[in-house]
Amino acid sequence: MIYFTANPAYNKQSPTGSLEVTDVTYTDVREDWIHRERFLTTAEMIYLRRGVLYLRVNGREYTVRKNSFLFLPQYSVIAGAARSDMPCAFYTVAFEEEGLVPPPCLLREITLPGSTFFADDLMKRVYELHLKRTPGRDANVKNALFYALVGEAKQAALEEADTTPLVERAIRLIDDNIRTIVTVDEVADAIGYNRDYLSRQFLASCGMTVKKYIDQKKLSVAKHLLVSSKMSVGQVARAVGFDDVQHFYKFFRYHEKVSPNQFRKLNG
């Protein structure tokens, strides 16, 4: 695990972030291949070295091209959107983080400006260090190199962030931060818009309120975790932003008419 300390905040606390690469894989496939459906228990990043990759993430489709990245938030559902029409090769990096999640605008294809050698060489080094599976210095170097790559991709994405439509930015913010986003005010503050204006735009575009979308997203993730993982109900509650497990029980029963434990038994 590698830790990073931010500048001191006005409350005189020093917020820290941490990042740890937990797995790195390299996939090289022929044409007419399709990505299998997976549920992500950690955040992931895909870097395409060759070809084109067609993916569906949380119901939205993405086309990832050579020398480009796609960052996937924790608890996403990823699957192939179409079969590859050419051979492709890509790295997949699973990582755990706290306070360092790339912004929602990274849930799209990102290409770093300038030479592509930097990203390709850096990913190769991260992969080789992971294959050694040695703790200590090698692990810290691996995490630091990956963090540098995240920073480059983040900067490239932020330069274009203002071009993303308001409602799409709100949806991506909620999807990518389901553990922390709780209220409509938090969404509005994070993207820099008035709450009422955001609410009107969201309702007109999606046919539902921001609050309803947040609740539906939390329910969807919670149900998936209850059925597909061995996490306790308390762990599931924290994964979708509930510090109080009893509050989560009330929330879940209100929407699903059964308790989380009953839902797990009925769908296990």
C-alpha atoms as a PDB file:
ATOM      1  CA  MET A   1       0.000   0.000   0.000  1.00  0.00           C
ATOM      2  CA  ILE A   2       1.287   3.454  -0.845  1.00  0.00           C
ATOM      3  CA  TYR A   3      -0.053   6.497   0.991  1.00  0.00           C
ATOM      4  CA  PHE A   4      -0.287  10.102  -0.159  1.00  0.00           C
ATOM      5  CA  THR A   5      -0.847  13.146   2.040  1.00  0.00           C
ATOM      6  CA  ALA A   6      -2.663  16.164   0.688  1.00  0.00           C
ATOM      7  CA  ASN A   7      -2.006  19.763   1.695  1.00  0.00           C
ATOM      8  CA  PRO A   8      -3.375  20.669   5.137  1.00  0.00           C
ATOM      9  CA  ALA A   9      -7.050  21.604   5.014  1.00  0.00           C
ATOM     10  CA  TYR A  10      -8.648  24.593   6.731  1.00  0.00           C
ATOM     11  CA  ASN A  11      -9.925  22.299   9.466  1.00  0.00           C
ATOM     12  CA  LYS A  12      -6.238  21.628  10.253  1.00  0.00           C
ATOM     13  CA  GLN A  13      -6.558  17.979   9.345  1.00  0.00           C
ATOM     14  CA  SER A  14      -4.284  16.402   6.754  1.00  0.00           C
ATOM     15  CA  PRO A  15      -6.423  14.207   4.545  1.00  0.00           C
ATOM     16  CA  THR A  16      -4.624  11.197   3.158  1.00  0.00           C
ATOM     17  CA  GLY A  17      -5.241   8.903   0.266  1.00  0.00           C
ATOM     18  CA  SER A  18      -3.967   5.419  -0.393  1.00  0.00           C
ATOM     19  CA  LEU A  19      -3.649   3.208  -3.423  1.00  0.00           C
ATOM     20  CA  GLU A  20      -2.733  -0.446  -3.824  1.00  0.00           C
ATOM     21  CA  VAL A  21      -2.581  -2.425  -7.045  1.00  0.00           C
ATOM     22  CA  THR A  22      -4.113  -5.823  -6.256  1.00  0.00           C
ATOM     23  CA  ASP A  23      -3.911  -7.524  -9.647  1.00  0.00           C
ATOM     24  CA  VAL A  24      -2.517  -6.919 -13.115  1.00  0.00           C
ATOM     25  CA  THR A  25      -3.345  -9.105 -16.122  1.00  0.00           C
ATOM     26  CA  TYR A  26      -2.371  -9.020 -19.777  1.00  0.00           C
ATOM     27  CA  THR A  27      -4.819 -10.337 -22.375  1.00  0.00           C
ATOM     28  CA  ASP A  28      -3.954 -10.963 -26.034  1.00  0.00           C
ATOM     29  CA  VAL A  29      -6.830 -12.255 -28.151  1.00  0.00           C
ATOM     30  CA  ARG A  30      -7.747 -12.850 -31.764  1.00  0.00           C
ATOM     31  CA  GLU A  31     -10.635 -11.244 -33.601  1.00  0.00           C
ATOM     32  CA  ASP A  32     -14.209 -12.423 -32.945  1.00  0.00           C
ATOM     33  CA  TRP A  33     -13.559 -12.366 -29.176  1.00  0.00           C
ATOM     34  CA  ILE A  34     -15.970 -10.864 -26.662  1.00  0.00           C
ATOM     35  CA  HIS A  35     -15.342  -9.797 -23.069  1.00  0.00           C
ATOM     36  CA  ARG A  36     -17.161 -12.001 -20.567  1.00  0.00           C
ATOM     37  CA  GLU A  37     -19.511 -10.396 -18.060  1.00  0.00           C
ATOM     38  CA  ARG A  38     -17.935  -9.646 -14.681  1.00  0.00           C
ATOM     39  CA  PHE A  39     -18.899  -7.859 -11.485  1.00  0.00           C
ATOM     40  CA  LEU A  40     -16.037  -5.735 -10.183  1.00  0.00           C
ATOM     41  CA  THR A  41     -15.308  -5.888  -6.472  1.00  0.00           C
ATOM     42  CA  THR A  42     -12.483  -3.345  -6.861  1.00  0.00           C
ATOM     43  CA  ALA A  43     -11.898  -0.406  -9.153  1.00  0.00           C
ATOM     44  CA  GLU A  44     -10.215  -1.326 -12.443  1.00  0.00           C
ATOM     45  CA  MET A  45      -8.379   0.313 -15.304  1.00  0.00           C
ATOM     46  CA  ILE A  46      -8.078  -1.067 -18.824  1.00  0.00           C
ATOM     47  CA  TYR A  47      -5.261   0.049 -21.113  1.00  0.00           C
ATOM     48  CA  LEU A  48      -5.458  -1.064 -24.740  1.00  0.00           C
ATOM     49  CA  ARG A  49      -2.139  -1.726 -26.454  1.00  0.00           C
ATOM     50  CA  ARG A  50      -3.521  -2.970 -29.761  1.00  0.00           C
ATOM     51  CA  GLY A  51      -6.821  -3.173 -31.596  1.00  0.00           C
ATOM     52  CA  VAL A  52     -10.275  -2.046 -30.481  1.00  0.00           C
ATOM     53  CA  LEU A  53     -12.290  -3.222 -27.473  1.00  0.00           C
ATOM     54  CA  TYR A  54     -16.084  -2.898 -27.272  1.00  0.00           C
ATOM     55  CA  LEU A  55     -17.384  -2.826 -23.705  1.00  0.00           C
ATOM     56  CA  ARG A  56     -20.607  -2.260 -21.831  1.00  0.00           C
ATOM     57  CA  VAL A  57     -20.174  -0.832 -18.321  1.00  0.00           C
ATOM     58  CA  ASN A  58     -23.234  -0.376 -16.105  1.00  0.00           C
ATOM     59  CA  GLY A  59     -25.428  -0.409 -19.182  1.00  0.00           C
ATOM     60  CA  ARG A  60     -23.404   2.195 -21.128  1.00  0.00           C
ATOM     61  CA  GLU A  61     -21.295   1.264 -24.149  1.00  0.00           C
ATOM     62  CA  TYR A  62     -17.671   2.283 -24.701  1.00  0.00           C
ATOM     63  CA  THR A  63     -15.195   1.821 -27.524  1.00  0.00           C
ATOM     64  CA  VAL A  64     -11.607   1.661 -26.272  1.00  0.00           C
ATOM     65  CA  ARG A  65      -8.932   2.133 -28.930  1.00  0.00           C
ATOM     66  CA  LYS A  66      -5.186   1.618 -29.094  1.00  0.00           C
ATOM     67  CA  ASN A  67      -3.168   3.535 -26.478  1.00  0.00           C
ATOM     68  CA  SER A  68      -6.305   4.572 -24.578  1.00  0.00           C
ATOM     69  CA  PHE A  69      -7.590   3.965 -21.053  1.00  0.00           C
ATOM     70  CA  LEU A  70     -10.913   3.256 -19.416  1.00  0.00           C
ATOM     71  CA  PHE A  71     -11.281   3.570 -15.624  1.00  0.00           C
ATOM     72  CA  LEU A  72     -14.066   1.477 -14.082  1.00  0.00           C
ATOM     73  CA  PRO A  73     -15.494   2.240 -10.624  1.00  0.00           C
ATOM     74  CA  GLN A  74     -15.841  -0.401  -7.943  1.00  0.00           C
ATOM     75  CA  TYR A  75     -19.064  -2.453  -8.072  1.00  0.00           C
ATOM     76  CA  SER A  76     -19.468  -1.997 -11.816  1.00  0.00           C
ATOM     77  CA  VAL A  77     -20.844  -4.639 -14.148  1.00  0.00           C
ATOM     78  CA  ILE A  78     -18.651  -5.002 -17.239  1.00  0.00           C
ATOM     79  CA  ALA A  79     -19.342  -7.097 -20.326  1.00  0.00           C
ATOM     80  CA  GLY A  80     -18.598  -7.159 -24.027  1.00  0.00           C
ATOM     81  CA  ALA A  81     -20.788  -4.873 -26.102  1.00  0.00           C
ATOM     82  CA  ALA A  82     -19.751  -6.545 -29.376  1.00  0.00           C
ATOM     83  CA  ARG A  83     -17.227  -9.046 -30.671  1.00  0.00           C
ATOM     84  CA  SER A  84     -13.822  -7.681 -31.631  1.00  0.00           C
ATOM     85  CA  ASP A  85     -13.342  -7.168 -35.349  1.00  0.00           C
ATOM     86  CA  MET A  86      -9.541  -7.384 -35.088  1.00  0.00           C
ATOM     87  CA  PRO A  87      -6.930  -8.885 -32.742  1.00  0.00           C
ATOM     88  CA  CYS A  88      -6.513  -6.855 -29.548  1.00  0.00           C
ATOM     89  CA  ALA A  89      -4.240  -6.811 -26.521  1.00  0.00           C
ATOM     90  CA  PHE A  90      -4.777  -4.995 -23.245  1.00  0.00           C
ATOM     91  CA  TYR A  91      -3.704  -4.683 -19.621  1.00  0.00           C
ATOM     92  CA  THR A  92      -6.218  -4.780 -16.785  1.00  0.00           C
ATOM     93  CA  VAL A  93      -5.239  -3.304 -13.408  1.00  0.00           C
ATOM     94  CA  ALA A  94      -7.393  -3.935 -10.348  1.00  0.00           C
ATOM     95  CA  PHE A  95      -6.721  -1.501  -7.528  1.00  0.00           C
ATOM     96  CA  GLU A  96      -8.005  -0.489  -4.124  1.00  0.00           C
ATOM     97  CA  GLU A  97      -8.026   3.168  -3.242  1.00  0.00           C
ATOM     98  CA  GLU A  98      -9.187   5.574  -0.613  1.00  0.00           C
ATOM     99  CA  GLY A  99      -9.606   9.227  -1.488  1.00  0.00           C
ATOM    100  CA  LEU A 100      -7.862   8.903  -4.846  1.00  0.00           C
ATOM    101  CA  VAL A 101     -10.633   7.779  -7.206  1.00  0.00           C
ATOM    102  CA  PRO A 102     -10.281   9.330 -10.640  1.00  0.00           C
ATOM    103  CA  PRO A 103     -13.074  11.820 -11.354  1.00  0.00           C
ATOM    104  CA  PRO A 104     -16.256  10.588 -13.070  1.00  0.00           C
ATOM    105  CA  CYS A 105     -15.135  12.094 -16.354  1.00  0.00           C
ATOM    106  CA  LEU A 106     -12.602   9.239 -16.556  1.00  0.00           C
ATOM    107  CA  LEU A 107     -15.373   6.726 -17.215  1.00  0.00           C
ATOM    108  CA  ARG A 108     -14.798   7.167 -20.921  1.00  0.00           C
ATOM    109  CA  GLU A 109     -11.988   6.583 -23.369  1.00  0.00           C
ATOM    110  CA  ILE A 110      -8.925   8.639 -22.388  1.00  0.00           C
ATOM    111  CA  THR A 111      -5.881   9.090 -24.619  1.00  0.00           C
ATOM    112  CA  LEU A 112      -2.820  10.759 -23.159  1.00  0.00           C
ATOM    113  CA  PRO A 113      -1.447  13.688 -25.192  1.00  0.00           C
ATOM    114  CA  GLY A 114       1.974  13.388 -26.767  1.00  0.00           C
ATOM    115  CA  SER A 115       4.008  10.209 -27.133  1.00  0.00           C
ATOM    116  CA  THR A 116       2.280   6.894 -26.439  1.00  0.00           C
ATOM    117  CA  PHE A 117       5.600   5.328 -25.399  1.00  0.00           C
ATOM    118  CA  PHE A 118       5.257   6.704 -21.869  1.00  0.00           C
ATOM    119  CA  ALA A 119       1.998   4.899 -21.109  1.00  0.00           C
ATOM    120  CA  ASP A 120       2.988   1.659 -22.835  1.00  0.00           C
ATOM    121  CA  ASP A 121       6.353   1.458 -21.101  1.00  0.00           C
ATOM    122  CA  LEU A 122       4.886   2.373 -17.715  1.00  0.00           C
ATOM    123  CA  MET A 123       2.169  -0.300 -17.974  1.00  0.00           C
ATOM    124  CA  LYS A 124       4.760  -2.900 -18.936  1.00  0.00           C
ATOM    125  CA  ARG A 125       6.817  -2.052 -15.848  1.00  0.00           C
ATOM    126  CA  VAL A 126       3.752  -2.226 -13.579  1.00  0.00           C
ATOM    127  CA  TYR A 127       2.913  -5.654 -15.037  1.00  0.00           C
ATOM    128  CA  GLU A 128       6.464  -6.993 -14.641  1.00  0.00           C
ATOM    129  CA  LEU A 129       6.670  -5.796 -11.035  1.00  0.00           C
ATOM    130  CA  HIS A 130       3.337  -7.433 -10.274  1.00  0.00           C
ATOM    131  CA  LEU A 131       4.526 -10.770 -11.689  1.00  0.00           C
ATOM    132  CA  LYS A 132       7.396 -10.758  -9.168  1.00  0.00           C
ATOM    133  CA  ARG A 133       4.828 -10.664  -6.357  1.00  0.00           C
ATOM    134  CA  THR A 134       7.415  -9.464  -3.883  1.00  0.00           C
ATOM    135  CA  PRO A 135       6.451  -7.183  -0.977  1.00  0.00           C
ATOM    136  CA  GLY A 136       8.322  -4.093   0.109  1.00  0.00           C
ATOM    137  CA  ARG A 137      10.115  -1.866  -2.357  1.00  0.00           C
ATOM    138  CA  ASP A 138       8.895  -3.558  -5.568  1.00  0.00           C
ATOM    139  CA  ALA A 139       5.276  -3.331  -4.451  1.00  0.00           C
ATOM    140  CA  ASN A 140       5.666   0.345  -3.527  1.00  0.00           C
ATOM    141  CA  VAL A 141       7.308   1.135  -6.871  1.00  0.00           C
ATOM    142  CA  LYS A 142       4.477  -0.662  -8.685  1.00  0.00           C
ATOM    143  CA  ASN A 143       1.860   1.360  -6.817  1.00  0.00           C
ATOM    144  CA  ALA A 144       3.751   4.619  -7.374  1.00  0.00           C
ATOM    145  CA  LEU A 145       4.122   4.000 -11.117  1.00  0.00           C
ATOM    146  CA  PHE A 146       0.436   3.240 -11.456  1.00  0.00           C
ATOM    147  CA  TYR A 147      -0.416   6.352  -9.443  1.00  0.00           C
ATOM    148  CA  ALA A 148       1.675   8.409 -11.868  1.00  0.00           C
ATOM    149  CA  LEU A 149      -0.281   6.972 -14.776  1.00  0.00           C
ATOM    150  CA  VAL A 150      -3.590   7.738 -13.052  1.00  0.00           C
ATOM    151  CA  GLY A 151      -2.419  11.319 -12.555  1.00  0.00           C
ATOM    152  CA  GLU A 152      -1.568  11.722 -16.245  1.00  0.00           C
ATOM    153  CA  ALA A 153      -4.944  10.333 -17.321  1.00  0.00           C
ATOM    154  CA  LYS A 154      -6.757  12.495 -14.769  1.00  0.00           C
ATOM    155  CA  GLN A 155      -5.110  15.629 -16.069  1.00  0.00           C
ATOM    156  CA  ALA A 156      -5.970  14.746 -19.667  1.00  0.00           C
ATOM    157  CA  ALA A 157      -9.593  14.160 -18.694  1.00  0.00           C
ATOM    158  CA  LEU A 158      -9.986  17.331 -16.645  1.00  0.00           C
ATOM    159  CA  GLU A 159      -8.963  19.421 -19.630  1.00  0.00           C
ATOM    160  CA  GLU A 160     -12.147  18.249 -21.358  1.00  0.00           C
ATOM    161  CA  ALA A 161     -14.436  17.926 -18.327  1.00  0.00           C
ATOM    162  CA  ASP A 162     -16.443  21.060 -19.069  1.00  0.00           C
ATOM    163  CA  THR A 163     -17.627  19.598 -22.380  1.00  0.00           C
ATOM    164  CA  THR A 164     -19.502  16.751 -20.644  1.00  0.00           C
ATOM    165  CA  PRO A 165     -23.281  17.405 -20.431  1.00  0.00           C
ATOM    166  CA  LEU A 166     -24.518  18.282 -16.953  1.00  0.00           C
ATOM    167  CA  VAL A 167     -26.842  15.300 -16.429  1.00  0.00           C
ATOM    168  CA  GLU A 168     -24.237  12.847 -17.710  1.00  0.00           C
ATOM    169  CA  ARG A 169     -21.691  14.286 -15.277  1.00  0.00           C
ATOM    170  CA  ALA A 170     -24.164  13.898 -12.415  1.00  0.00           C
ATOM    171  CA  ILE A 171     -24.916  10.283 -13.333  1.00  0.00           C
ATOM    172  CA  ARG A 172     -21.256   9.402 -13.604  1.00  0.00           C
ATOM    173  CA  LEU A 173     -20.491  11.092 -10.297  1.00  0.00           C
ATOM    174  CA  ILE A 174     -23.166   9.005  -8.562  1.00  0.00           C
ATOM    175  CA  ASP A 175     -22.143   5.775 -10.284  1.00  0.00           C
ATOM    176  CA  ASP A 176     -18.459   6.245  -9.492  1.00  0.00           C
ATOM    177  CA  ASN A 177     -18.923   7.291  -5.860  1.00  0.00           C
ATOM    178  CA  ILE A 178     -21.759   5.123  -4.625  1.00  0.00           C
ATOM    179  CA  ARG A 179     -19.945   4.601  -1.303  1.00  0.00           C
ATOM    180  CA  THR A 180     -19.920   8.302  -0.482  1.00  0.00           C
ATOM    181  CA  ILE A 181     -22.632  10.143  -2.434  1.00  0.00           C
ATOM    182  CA  VAL A 182     -25.785  10.309  -0.313  1.00  0.00           C
ATOM    183  CA  THR A 183     -27.641  13.551  -0.975  1.00  0.00           C
ATOM    184  CA  VAL A 184     -28.640  15.673  -3.950  1.00  0.00           C
ATOM    185  CA  ASP A 185     -26.741  18.600  -2.413  1.00  0.00           C
ATOM    186  CA  GLU A 186     -23.510  16.564  -2.515  1.00  0.00           C
ATOM    187  CA  VAL A 187     -23.994  15.886  -6.226  1.00  0.00           C
ATOM    188  CA  ALA A 188     -24.762  19.540  -6.980  1.00  0.00           C
ATOM    189  CA  ASP A 189     -21.800  20.805  -4.944  1.00  0.00           C
ATOM    190  CA  ALA A 190     -19.403  18.324  -6.562  1.00  0.00           C
ATOM    191  CA  ILE A 191     -20.193  19.420 -10.102  1.00  0.00           C
ATOM    192  CA  GLY A 192     -20.638  23.101  -9.251  1.00  0.00           C
ATOM    193  CA  TYR A 193     -24.296  23.666 -10.062  1.00  0.00           C
ATOM    194  CA  ASN A 194     -27.315  24.922  -8.161  1.00  0.00           C
ATOM    195  CA  ARG A 195     -29.354  22.085  -6.643  1.00  0.00           C
ATOM    196  CA  ASP A 196     -32.663  23.265  -8.107  1.00  0.00           C
ATOM    197  CA  TYR A 197     -31.231  23.744 -11.591  1.00  0.00           C
ATOM    198  CA  LEU A 198     -29.612  20.295 -11.517  1.00  0.00           C
ATOM    199  CA  SER A 199     -32.856  18.713 -10.285  1.00  0.00           C
ATOM    200  CA  ARG A 200     -34.898  20.246 -13.092  1.00  0.00           C
ATOM    201  CA  GLN A 201     -32.421  19.215 -15.760  1.00  0.00           C
ATOM    202  CA  PHE A 202     -32.111  15.688 -14.351  1.00  0.00           C
ATOM    203  CA  LEU A 203     -35.875  15.154 -14.146  1.00  0.00           C
ATOM    204  CA  ALA A 204     -36.406  16.433 -17.686  1.00  0.00           C
ATOM    205  CA  SER A 205     -33.647  14.218 -19.078  1.00  0.00           C
ATOM    206  CA  CYS A 206     -34.108  11.012 -17.045  1.00  0.00           C
ATOM    207  CA  GLY A 207     -37.758  11.097 -16.024  1.00  0.00           C
ATOM    208  CA  MET A 208     -36.841  10.658 -12.360  1.00  0.00           C
ATOM    209  CA  THR A 209     -35.411  12.762  -9.543  1.00  0.00           C
ATOM    210  CA  VAL A 210     -31.747  12.758  -8.581  1.00  0.00           C
ATOM    211  CA  LYS A 211     -32.678  11.250  -5.207  1.00  0.00           C
ATOM    212  CA  LYS A 212     -34.543   8.395  -6.865  1.00  0.00           C
ATOM    213  CA  TYR A 213     -31.586   7.669  -9.116  1.00  0.00           C
ATOM    214  CA  ILE A 214     -29.219   7.602  -6.114  1.00  0.00           C
ATOM    215  CA  ASP A 215     -31.533   5.215  -4.271  1.00  0.00           C
ATOM    216  CA  GLN A 216     -31.931   2.951  -7.294  1.00  0.00           C
ATOM    217  CA  LYS A 217     -28.185   2.793  -7.820  1.00  0.00           C
ATOM    218  CA  LYS A 218     -27.526   1.952  -4.168  1.00  0.00           C
ATOM    219  CA  LEU A 219     -30.203  -0.757  -4.269  1.00  0.00           C
ATOM    220  CA  SER A 220     -28.813  -2.245  -7.462  1.00  0.00           C
ATOM    221  CA  VAL A 221     -25.293  -2.494  -6.052  1.00  0.00           C
ATOM    222  CA  ALA A 222     -26.525  -3.791  -2.678  1.00  0.00           C
ATOM    223  CA  LYS A 223     -28.632  -6.534  -4.275  1.00  0.00           C
ATOM    224  CA  HIS A 224     -25.762  -7.615  -6.477  1.00  0.00           C
ATOM    225  CA  LEU A 225     -23.402  -7.821  -3.479  1.00  0.00           C
ATOM    226  CA  LEU A 226     -25.939  -9.742  -1.380  1.00  0.00           C
ATOM    227  CA  VAL A 227     -26.375 -12.353  -4.094  1.00  0.00           C
ATOM    228  CA  SER A 228     -22.886 -12.608  -5.565  1.00  0.00           C
ATOM    229  CA  SER A 229     -20.586 -12.105  -2.569  1.00  0.00           C
ATOM    230  CA  LYS A 230     -20.002 -13.414   0.946  1.00  0.00           C
ATOM    231  CA  MET A 231     -19.944  -9.921   2.415  1.00  0.00           C
ATOM    232  CA  SER A 232     -21.916  -9.457   5.619  1.00  0.00           C
ATOM    233  CA  VAL A 233     -24.957  -7.198   5.573  1.00  0.00           C
ATOM    234  CA  GLY A 234     -22.920  -4.621   7.488  1.00  0.00           C
ATOM    235  CA  GLN A 235     -20.181  -4.712   4.860  1.00  0.00           C
ATOM    236  CA  VAL A 236     -22.746  -4.356   2.086  1.00  0.00           C
ATOM    237  CA  ALA A 237     -24.293  -1.414   3.906  1.00  0.00           C
ATOM    238  CA  ARG A 238     -20.934   0.372   4.135  1.00  0.00           C
ATOM    239  CA  ALA A 239     -20.196  -0.408   0.479  1.00  0.00           C
ATOM    240  CA  VAL A 240     -23.234   1.636  -0.575  1.00  0.00           C
ATOM    241  CA  GLY A 241     -22.738   4.501   1.843  1.00  0.00           C
ATOM    242  CA  PHE A 242     -24.581   3.506   5.043  1.00  0.00           C
ATOM    243  CA  ASP A 243     -22.575   3.826   8.263  1.00  0.00           C
ATOM    244  CA  ASP A 244     -25.613   2.711  10.278  1.00  0.00           C
ATOM    245  CA  VAL A 245     -26.598  -0.852   9.361  1.00  0.00           C
ATOM    246  CA  GLN A 246     -30.057  -0.395  10.892  1.00  0.00           C
ATOM    247  CA  HIS A 247     -30.653   2.558   8.578  1.00  0.00           C
ATOM    248  CA  PHE A 248     -29.657   0.322   5.679  1.00  0.00           C
ATOM    249  CA  TYR A 249     -32.127  -2.352   6.844  1.00  0.00           C
ATOM    250  CA  LYS A 250     -34.947   0.220   6.870  1.00  0.00           C
ATOM    251  CA  PHE A 251     -33.918   1.609   3.488  1.00  0.00           C
ATOM    252  CA  PHE A 252     -33.735  -1.848   1.911  1.00  0.00           C
ATOM    253  CA  ARG A 253     -37.009  -3.102   3.380  1.00  0.00           C
ATOM    254  CA  TYR A 254     -38.832   0.081   2.355  1.00  0.00           C
ATOM    255  CA  HIS A 255     -37.852  -0.399  -1.283  1.00  0.00           C
ATOM    256  CA  GLU A 256     -37.771  -4.191  -1.596  1.00  0.00           C
ATOM    257  CA  LYS A 257     -40.432  -5.179   0.987  1.00  0.00           C
ATOM    258  CA  VAL A 258     -38.033  -7.784   2.417  1.00  0.00           C
ATOM    259  CA  SER A 259     -34.935  -7.554   4.612  1.00  0.00           C
ATOM    260  CA  PRO A 260     -31.424  -7.885   3.134  1.00  0.00           C
ATOM    261  CA  ASN A 261     -31.072 -11.327   4.729  1.00  0.00           C
ATOM    262  CA  GLN A 262     -34.401 -12.477   3.294  1.00  0.00           C
ATOM    263  CA  PHE A 263     -33.435 -11.137  -0.133  1.00  0.00           C
ATOM    264  CA  ARG A 264     -30.162 -13.115   0.026  1.00  0.00           C
ATOM    265  CA  LYS A 265     -31.992 -16.337   0.942  1.00  0.00           C
ATOM    266  CA  LEU A 266     -34.621 -15.887  -1.767  1.00  0.00           C
ATOM    267  CA  ASN A 267     -32.024 -15.217  -4.464  1.00  0.00           C
ATOM    268  CA  GLY A 268     -29.074 -17.277  -3.268  1.00  0.00           C
END
